[in-house]
Amino acid sequence: MNLRLILALASCLLPALSSTICVENDCYPEIFEATHEWQIVKEGQHIPAGLHVRMNLESNQREAKLLDGNEDENAALAVVENEEEQEALKDQIKEALDRYKSQKKEYKRSTVDEGELSDFGSAVKEIVSFKSDLGRAERALETLAELAHDREFGVRLTQNSEAFEKIHQIALEVDDSHIKERCYSVLAASLRNNPEAVGNVLQNQPSLFVDTLFGVIRDSDTSDVLQKRILGVFQGLASNANFAQQRLGDLISVFPDLGQQAKDRVAVILEDLQLAEAAEKADETVSNYIQKTLSDAKAVSESQFKSYFRTLAALHEKRVLQPSKQFLAWLAEEVEKRKSGSDADSAFNKFMVEARHTIFGNPNAARKADEL
């Protein structure tokens, strides 16, 4: 029988067999009942595997539906390539993160006996039901951090999409830097060298999960250490080749604004993916990768091309890094080609001409360059 049909039948049958949850006079099945329309996933509901899940940034609620015929249940989290859509998405992410920051909550830190919350089941239950007790949350996260390194526990945690998402939510809501770091460490540990766990996250988490991660990275209040922890989550997901290909552009675009520890983590990710050879400095590793990507015409879209070139220019602006001869030859040819193109008046093309001389070459030569 077709896998998609099995998942559809399962999603219809499970609610009838599941227990009922009642919250403030609203009763509903414990197992989410999916249709081909987006529906809100209510508090405490479990989502069957194989559904399309997203976070609605307008309502700040999780929604799910059956996969459409043209969707792949094994597809990586979606990526937006259109520049205007990217900017709109960044604004949405910023608004969502600002809402989390504005939610003033009273947290307490009770003492927890060392023997409490020391097993997987009780730790997950504590996380899912977290309200305000930072002491108990921290103890639960410590347990999960220890267990998540085991592949079996990593799979179990990522299968529980509610618990996985709640850990991310706690990281967004709580001001305590140690709790935030611990949350992302748990998420990263569950994915490390664990293809099944990675598949669970790519299949079950909201489409905006990774976008929100990068939203936090870009936040000026995010420390270098926290950036590094978040990139650990990306590193785990990047073991999926499809995901890495789709989302590597986000990693490159944010690189110039990272702290040194986070930059070093990006360099390691590129080396692990065998996309760049280790260099003396992380900036040099990433620069070499971008130069080769551009000169070998491997940018997947015009949007990524522009993003990569701007990132490279930002890295070389202080004229500490040296461009390769291959890249300089490509840049000269590319600039001439864009001069004669139909969009010769574009601001980006003018930027390329200027950058060729002032950033990657002899600044004095810019006076001799032909204007677009």
Protein backbone atom coordinates (compact mmCIF):
# COMPACT_ATOMS: atom_id res chain seq x y z
CA MET A 1 0.00 0.00 0.00
CA ASN A 2 1.18 3.53 -0.78
CA LEU A 3 2.98 5.12 2.21
CA ARG A 4 1.10 8.39 1.82
CA LEU A 5 -2.24 6.51 1.90
CA ILE A 6 -1.16 4.61 5.00
CA LEU A 7 -0.29 7.87 6.77
CA ALA A 8 -3.57 9.42 5.74
CA LEU A 9 -5.56 6.42 6.99
CA ALA A 10 -3.58 6.37 10.23
CA SER A 11 -4.24 10.05 10.87
CA CYS A 12 -7.97 9.41 10.43
CA LEU A 13 -8.16 6.26 12.55
CA LEU A 14 -5.91 7.22 15.46
CA PRO A 15 -8.11 10.01 16.85
CA ALA A 16 -10.98 7.58 17.30
CA LEU A 17 -8.73 5.23 19.29
CA SER A 18 -6.99 7.87 21.36
CA SER A 19 -7.93 9.36 24.69
CA THR A 20 -9.56 12.75 25.00
CA ILE A 21 -8.01 15.98 26.32
CA CYS A 22 -10.20 18.61 27.97
CA VAL A 23 -8.91 22.16 28.51
CA GLU A 24 -11.34 24.83 29.81
CA ASN A 25 -14.46 22.99 28.58
CA ASP A 26 -12.87 22.31 25.17
CA CYS A 27 -12.47 18.56 24.60
CA TYR A 28 -10.60 17.06 21.64
CA PRO A 29 -8.70 13.85 20.68
CA GLU A 30 -5.20 13.37 22.07
CA ILE A 31 -4.03 12.41 18.55
CA PHE A 32 -4.28 15.27 16.04
CA GLU A 33 -6.77 14.56 13.24
CA ALA A 34 -5.32 15.87 9.97
CA THR A 35 -7.09 17.03 6.81
CA HIS A 36 -5.80 18.74 3.67
CA GLU A 37 -6.48 22.13 5.30
CA TRP A 38 -4.30 23.82 7.93
CA GLN A 39 -5.71 23.27 11.44
CA ILE A 40 -4.50 24.40 14.85
CA VAL A 41 -2.71 21.75 16.89
CA LYS A 42 -4.26 22.13 20.32
CA GLU A 43 -2.52 21.90 23.67
CA GLY A 44 -1.26 18.41 24.47
CA GLN A 45 -2.13 16.90 21.08
CA HIS A 46 0.33 14.48 19.47
CA ILE A 47 1.02 14.83 15.75
CA PRO A 48 1.24 11.60 13.69
CA ALA A 49 4.32 11.22 11.51
CA GLY A 50 4.16 12.29 7.89
CA LEU A 51 2.21 15.54 8.26
CA HIS A 52 3.17 19.06 7.14
CA VAL A 53 3.65 21.15 10.30
CA ARG A 54 4.23 24.90 10.56
CA MET A 55 4.16 27.76 13.06
CA ASN A 56 1.61 30.47 12.22
CA LEU A 57 3.46 33.69 13.09
CA GLU A 58 0.26 35.73 13.10
CA SER A 59 -1.44 33.65 15.80
CA ASN A 60 1.77 32.17 17.26
CA GLN A 61 0.11 28.74 17.09
CA ARG A 62 1.28 25.47 15.60
CA GLU A 63 -0.72 24.15 12.64
CA ALA A 64 -0.64 20.91 10.64
CA LYS A 65 -2.22 19.24 7.62
CA LEU A 66 -1.83 16.23 5.34
CA LEU A 67 0.92 16.45 2.75
CA ASP A 68 -0.27 17.53 -0.69
CA GLY A 69 0.41 15.35 -3.71
CA ASN A 70 3.43 17.42 -4.74
CA GLU A 71 5.01 17.38 -1.27
CA ASP A 72 7.58 14.88 -0.11
CA GLU A 73 7.25 13.52 3.43
CA ASN A 74 11.04 13.25 3.56
CA ALA A 75 11.67 16.80 2.34
CA ALA A 76 13.88 19.18 4.28
CA LEU A 77 12.45 22.25 5.96
CA ALA A 78 11.43 24.76 3.31
CA VAL A 79 13.59 27.65 2.16
CA VAL A 80 12.53 30.93 0.54
CA GLU A 81 14.63 32.12 -2.40
CA ASN A 82 12.78 35.27 -3.52
CA GLU A 83 14.51 38.34 -2.05
CA GLU A 84 11.27 40.21 -1.27
CA GLU A 85 9.81 37.13 0.39
CA GLN A 86 13.04 36.68 2.34
CA GLU A 87 12.82 40.22 3.71
CA ALA A 88 9.15 39.75 4.58
CA LEU A 89 10.00 36.49 6.35
CA LYS A 90 12.80 38.17 8.31
CA ASP A 91 10.32 40.82 9.45
CA GLN A 92 7.87 38.13 10.52
CA ILE A 93 10.57 36.28 12.46
CA LYS A 94 11.66 39.51 14.16
CA GLU A 95 8.08 40.30 15.16
CA ALA A 96 7.64 36.79 16.56
CA LEU A 97 10.88 37.01 18.57
CA ASP A 98 9.89 40.47 19.84
CA ARG A 99 6.61 38.99 21.07
CA TYR A 100 8.49 36.39 23.06
CA LYS A 101 10.67 39.10 24.58
CA SER A 102 7.67 41.23 25.49
CA GLN A 103 5.93 38.41 27.33
CA LYS A 104 6.86 39.22 30.91
CA LYS A 105 6.64 36.04 32.97
CA GLU A 106 7.49 35.38 36.58
CA TYR A 107 9.94 32.51 36.81
CA LYS A 108 11.09 30.87 40.00
CA ARG A 109 14.09 28.65 40.69
CA SER A 110 13.22 25.98 43.21
CA THR A 111 15.75 23.48 44.50
CA VAL A 112 15.47 20.00 42.99
CA ASP A 113 16.62 16.79 44.62
CA GLU A 114 19.44 15.15 42.63
CA GLY A 115 17.34 12.01 42.27
CA GLU A 116 14.37 13.80 40.71
CA LEU A 117 13.83 14.06 36.96
CA SER A 118 16.74 11.69 36.41
CA ASP A 119 15.09 9.49 33.77
CA PHE A 120 13.98 10.24 30.21
CA GLY A 121 10.24 9.94 30.82
CA SER A 122 10.03 12.27 33.82
CA ALA A 123 12.39 14.79 32.19
CA VAL A 124 10.29 14.98 29.02
CA LYS A 125 7.08 15.26 31.03
CA GLU A 126 8.56 18.14 33.04
CA ILE A 127 9.64 19.99 29.89
CA VAL A 128 6.27 19.60 28.16
CA SER A 129 4.42 20.89 31.23
CA PHE A 130 6.92 23.71 31.96
CA LYS A 131 5.28 26.87 33.29
CA SER A 132 7.61 28.81 35.53
CA ASP A 133 9.94 26.60 37.61
CA LEU A 134 13.45 27.15 36.20
CA GLY A 135 15.02 24.84 38.76
CA ARG A 136 13.01 21.82 37.62
CA ALA A 137 13.40 22.77 33.95
CA GLU A 138 17.17 22.99 34.35
CA ARG A 139 17.34 19.59 36.06
CA ALA A 140 15.20 18.04 33.30
CA LEU A 141 17.40 19.60 30.62
CA GLU A 142 20.55 18.29 32.32
CA THR A 143 19.10 14.77 32.20
CA LEU A 144 18.13 15.12 28.55
CA ALA A 145 21.56 16.55 27.69
CA GLU A 146 23.18 13.44 29.13
CA LEU A 147 20.77 11.01 27.46
CA ALA A 148 20.43 12.73 24.08
CA HIS A 149 23.99 11.76 23.12
CA ASP A 150 22.70 8.18 22.99
CA ARG A 151 21.21 7.60 19.53
CA GLU A 152 18.17 5.78 20.91
CA PHE A 153 17.25 8.65 23.23
CA GLY A 154 17.95 11.17 20.45
CA VAL A 155 15.43 9.38 18.27
CA ARG A 156 12.87 9.23 21.09
CA LEU A 157 13.22 12.95 21.81
CA THR A 158 12.86 13.98 18.18
CA GLN A 159 9.90 11.66 17.71
CA ASN A 160 8.15 13.63 20.46
CA SER A 161 7.66 16.78 18.37
CA GLU A 162 5.85 18.53 21.23
CA ALA A 163 8.79 18.07 23.63
CA PHE A 164 11.37 19.04 21.00
CA GLU A 165 9.44 22.19 20.12
CA LYS A 166 8.86 23.05 23.79
CA ILE A 167 12.61 22.99 24.44
CA HIS A 168 13.01 25.50 21.61
CA GLN A 169 10.16 27.58 23.02
CA ILE A 170 11.75 27.67 26.47
CA ALA A 171 15.01 28.89 24.88
CA LEU A 172 13.06 31.73 23.26
CA GLU A 173 11.07 32.74 26.34
CA VAL A 174 13.53 32.47 29.22
CA ASP A 175 16.11 35.21 29.88
CA ASP A 176 18.50 32.92 31.77
CA SER A 177 21.52 32.47 29.47
CA HIS A 178 22.48 29.11 31.01
CA ILE A 179 18.99 27.70 30.37
CA LYS A 180 19.08 28.97 26.79
CA GLU A 181 22.45 27.36 26.13
CA ARG A 182 21.31 24.12 27.73
CA CYS A 183 18.18 24.02 25.53
CA TYR A 184 20.13 24.32 22.30
CA SER A 185 22.77 21.87 23.55
CA VAL A 186 20.03 19.27 24.10
CA LEU A 187 18.57 19.84 20.62
CA ALA A 188 22.03 19.62 19.02
CA ALA A 189 23.01 16.48 20.97
CA SER A 190 19.86 14.66 19.87
CA LEU A 191 20.77 15.24 16.20
CA ARG A 192 24.51 14.63 16.24
CA ASN A 193 25.49 11.55 14.17
CA ASN A 194 21.86 10.46 14.25
CA PRO A 195 20.25 10.33 10.78
CA GLU A 196 16.93 8.98 12.07
CA ALA A 197 16.62 11.83 14.57
CA VAL A 198 17.47 14.36 11.85
CA GLY A 199 14.75 12.86 9.66
CA ASN A 200 12.24 13.19 12.49
CA VAL A 201 12.95 16.91 12.89
CA LEU A 202 12.89 17.66 9.16
CA GLN A 203 9.57 15.85 8.89
CA ASN A 204 7.77 16.94 12.05
CA GLN A 205 8.96 20.41 13.04
CA PRO A 206 7.25 23.62 11.82
CA SER A 207 8.60 25.00 8.56
CA LEU A 208 9.84 28.12 10.35
CA PHE A 209 11.90 26.23 12.93
CA VAL A 210 15.24 26.90 11.20
CA ASP A 211 14.26 30.46 10.25
CA THR A 212 13.63 31.16 13.93
CA LEU A 213 17.05 29.74 14.82
CA PHE A 214 18.69 32.19 12.44
CA GLY A 215 16.45 34.95 13.77
CA VAL A 216 17.93 34.37 17.23
CA ILE A 217 21.47 34.24 15.81
CA ARG A 218 20.95 37.62 14.11
CA ASP A 219 19.59 39.20 17.29
CA SER A 220 22.11 41.70 18.67
CA ASP A 221 21.47 40.41 22.20
CA THR A 222 22.60 36.87 21.33
CA SER A 223 26.04 36.06 22.73
CA ASP A 224 28.85 34.37 20.83
CA VAL A 225 28.47 31.23 22.97
CA LEU A 226 24.72 31.03 22.33
CA GLN A 227 25.29 31.52 18.59
CA LYS A 228 27.69 28.60 18.70
CA ARG A 229 25.14 26.40 20.52
CA ILE A 230 22.43 27.23 17.97
CA LEU A 231 24.80 26.44 15.11
CA GLY A 232 25.26 23.03 16.72
CA VAL A 233 21.59 22.36 15.89
CA PHE A 234 22.19 23.44 12.29
CA GLN A 235 25.29 21.25 12.15
CA GLY A 236 23.25 18.21 13.12
CA LEU A 237 20.55 18.93 10.54
CA ALA A 238 23.17 19.60 7.85
CA SER A 239 24.08 15.91 7.84
CA ASN A 240 21.01 15.66 5.60
CA ALA A 241 22.36 16.56 2.14
CA ASN A 242 19.08 18.05 0.92
CA PHE A 243 18.80 20.29 3.97
CA ALA A 244 22.44 21.38 3.71
CA GLN A 245 22.03 22.32 0.06
CA GLN A 246 18.87 24.34 0.75
CA ARG A 247 19.93 26.15 3.91
CA LEU A 248 23.66 26.74 3.52
CA GLY A 249 22.95 30.21 2.14
CA ASP A 250 21.49 31.26 5.51
CA LEU A 251 24.67 30.14 7.23
CA ILE A 252 26.88 32.13 4.86
CA SER A 253 24.77 35.29 4.95
CA VAL A 254 24.91 35.54 8.74
CA PHE A 255 28.64 34.69 9.02
CA PRO A 256 30.13 38.25 9.06
CA ASP A 257 28.06 39.18 12.13
CA LEU A 258 29.00 36.12 14.20
CA GLY A 259 31.28 36.01 17.22
CA GLN A 260 34.59 34.20 16.87
CA GLN A 261 33.47 30.94 18.49
CA ALA A 262 30.42 30.84 16.23
CA LYS A 263 32.58 31.60 13.17
CA ASP A 264 34.85 28.71 14.08
CA ARG A 265 31.76 26.45 14.25
CA VAL A 266 30.71 27.53 10.73
CA ALA A 267 34.19 26.70 9.42
CA VAL A 268 33.92 23.23 10.98
CA ILE A 269 30.50 22.72 9.36
CA LEU A 270 31.92 23.54 5.92
CA GLU A 271 34.85 21.21 6.53
CA ASP A 272 32.53 18.40 7.71
CA LEU A 273 30.47 18.82 4.54
CA GLN A 274 33.73 18.67 2.55
CA LEU A 275 32.94 22.03 1.01
CA ALA A 276 36.08 23.78 2.22
CA GLU A 277 39.54 22.89 3.41
CA ALA A 278 40.64 24.02 6.83
CA ALA A 279 42.49 27.34 6.83
CA GLU A 280 44.33 29.23 9.55
CA LYS A 281 41.26 31.37 10.34
CA ALA A 282 37.53 30.77 10.03
CA ASP A 283 37.15 33.93 7.91
CA GLU A 284 39.65 32.54 5.42
CA THR A 285 37.89 29.15 5.29
CA VAL A 286 34.53 30.75 4.53
CA SER A 287 36.06 33.23 2.08
CA ASN A 288 37.69 30.42 0.12
CA TYR A 289 34.39 28.52 0.03
CA ILE A 290 32.44 31.54 -1.27
CA GLN A 291 35.08 32.42 -3.87
CA LYS A 292 35.02 28.87 -5.23
CA THR A 293 31.21 28.69 -5.19
CA LEU A 294 30.91 31.89 -7.19
CA SER A 295 33.73 31.25 -9.65
CA ASP A 296 32.50 27.68 -10.29
CA ALA A 297 28.94 29.00 -10.91
CA LYS A 298 27.49 26.88 -8.11
CA ALA A 299 25.18 29.49 -6.56
CA VAL A 300 21.71 27.96 -6.75
CA SER A 301 19.91 31.22 -7.56
CA GLU A 302 20.49 34.90 -8.32
CA SER A 303 19.37 35.66 -4.78
CA GLN A 304 22.02 33.37 -3.31
CA PHE A 305 24.60 34.75 -5.76
CA LYS A 306 24.01 38.29 -4.51
CA SER A 307 23.97 37.22 -0.87
CA TYR A 308 27.25 35.30 -1.24
CA PHE A 309 28.98 38.16 -3.04
CA ARG A 310 27.88 40.71 -0.43
CA THR A 311 29.08 38.41 2.35
CA LEU A 312 32.44 37.96 0.61
CA ALA A 313 32.79 41.71 0.16
CA ALA A 314 32.07 42.24 3.87
CA LEU A 315 34.77 39.71 4.80
CA HIS A 316 37.36 41.34 2.51
CA GLU A 317 36.43 44.95 3.21
CA LYS A 318 39.25 45.40 5.70
CA ARG A 319 41.64 44.05 3.04
CA VAL A 320 43.15 41.49 5.42
CA LEU A 321 42.11 38.47 3.34
CA GLN A 322 43.54 37.96 -0.13
CA PRO A 323 41.33 36.83 -3.04
CA SER A 324 42.56 33.99 -5.24
CA LYS A 325 43.77 34.57 -8.80
CA GLN A 326 40.99 32.30 -10.06
CA PHE A 327 38.37 34.40 -8.31
CA LEU A 328 39.82 37.70 -9.59
CA ALA A 329 39.79 36.37 -13.15
CA TRP A 330 36.19 35.25 -12.75
CA LEU A 331 35.19 38.60 -11.20
CA ALA A 332 36.68 40.57 -14.12
CA GLU A 333 34.76 38.43 -16.60
CA GLU A 334 31.53 38.56 -14.59
CA VAL A 335 31.64 42.34 -14.27
CA GLU A 336 32.10 42.76 -18.03
CA LYS A 337 29.26 40.36 -18.70
CA ARG A 338 26.93 42.26 -16.39
CA LYS A 339 27.88 45.58 -17.97
CA SER A 340 26.56 44.39 -21.30
CA GLY A 341 23.48 42.73 -19.83
CA SER A 342 19.93 44.03 -20.00
CA ASP A 343 19.94 45.00 -16.33
CA ALA A 344 23.12 47.10 -16.64
CA ASP A 345 21.67 49.85 -14.47
CA SER A 346 21.07 47.64 -11.44
CA ALA A 347 22.48 48.84 -8.13
CA PHE A 348 23.96 45.41 -7.44
CA ASN A 349 25.94 45.39 -10.69
CA LYS A 350 27.33 48.82 -9.85
CA PHE A 351 28.28 47.47 -6.46
CA MET A 352 30.15 44.58 -8.12
CA VAL A 353 32.14 46.99 -10.29
CA GLU A 354 33.06 49.12 -7.30
CA ALA A 355 33.91 46.13 -5.14
CA ARG A 356 36.15 44.68 -7.84
CA HIS A 357 38.52 47.61 -7.43
CA THR A 358 38.00 49.01 -3.93
CA ILE A 359 37.69 45.70 -2.08
CA PHE A 360 39.27 42.96 -4.19
CA GLY A 361 41.82 44.96 -6.18
CA ASN A 362 43.63 48.29 -6.43
CA PRO A 363 41.41 51.10 -5.06
CA ASN A 364 43.02 53.63 -7.40
CA ALA A 365 41.95 51.59 -10.40
CA ALA A 366 38.32 52.37 -9.65
CA ARG A 367 38.74 55.79 -11.25
CA LYS A 368 39.59 54.12 -14.55
CA ALA A 369 36.70 51.66 -14.46
CA ASP A 370 33.93 52.20 -16.96
CA GLU A 371 30.69 53.30 -15.37
CA LEU A 372 27.63 51.16 -15.92
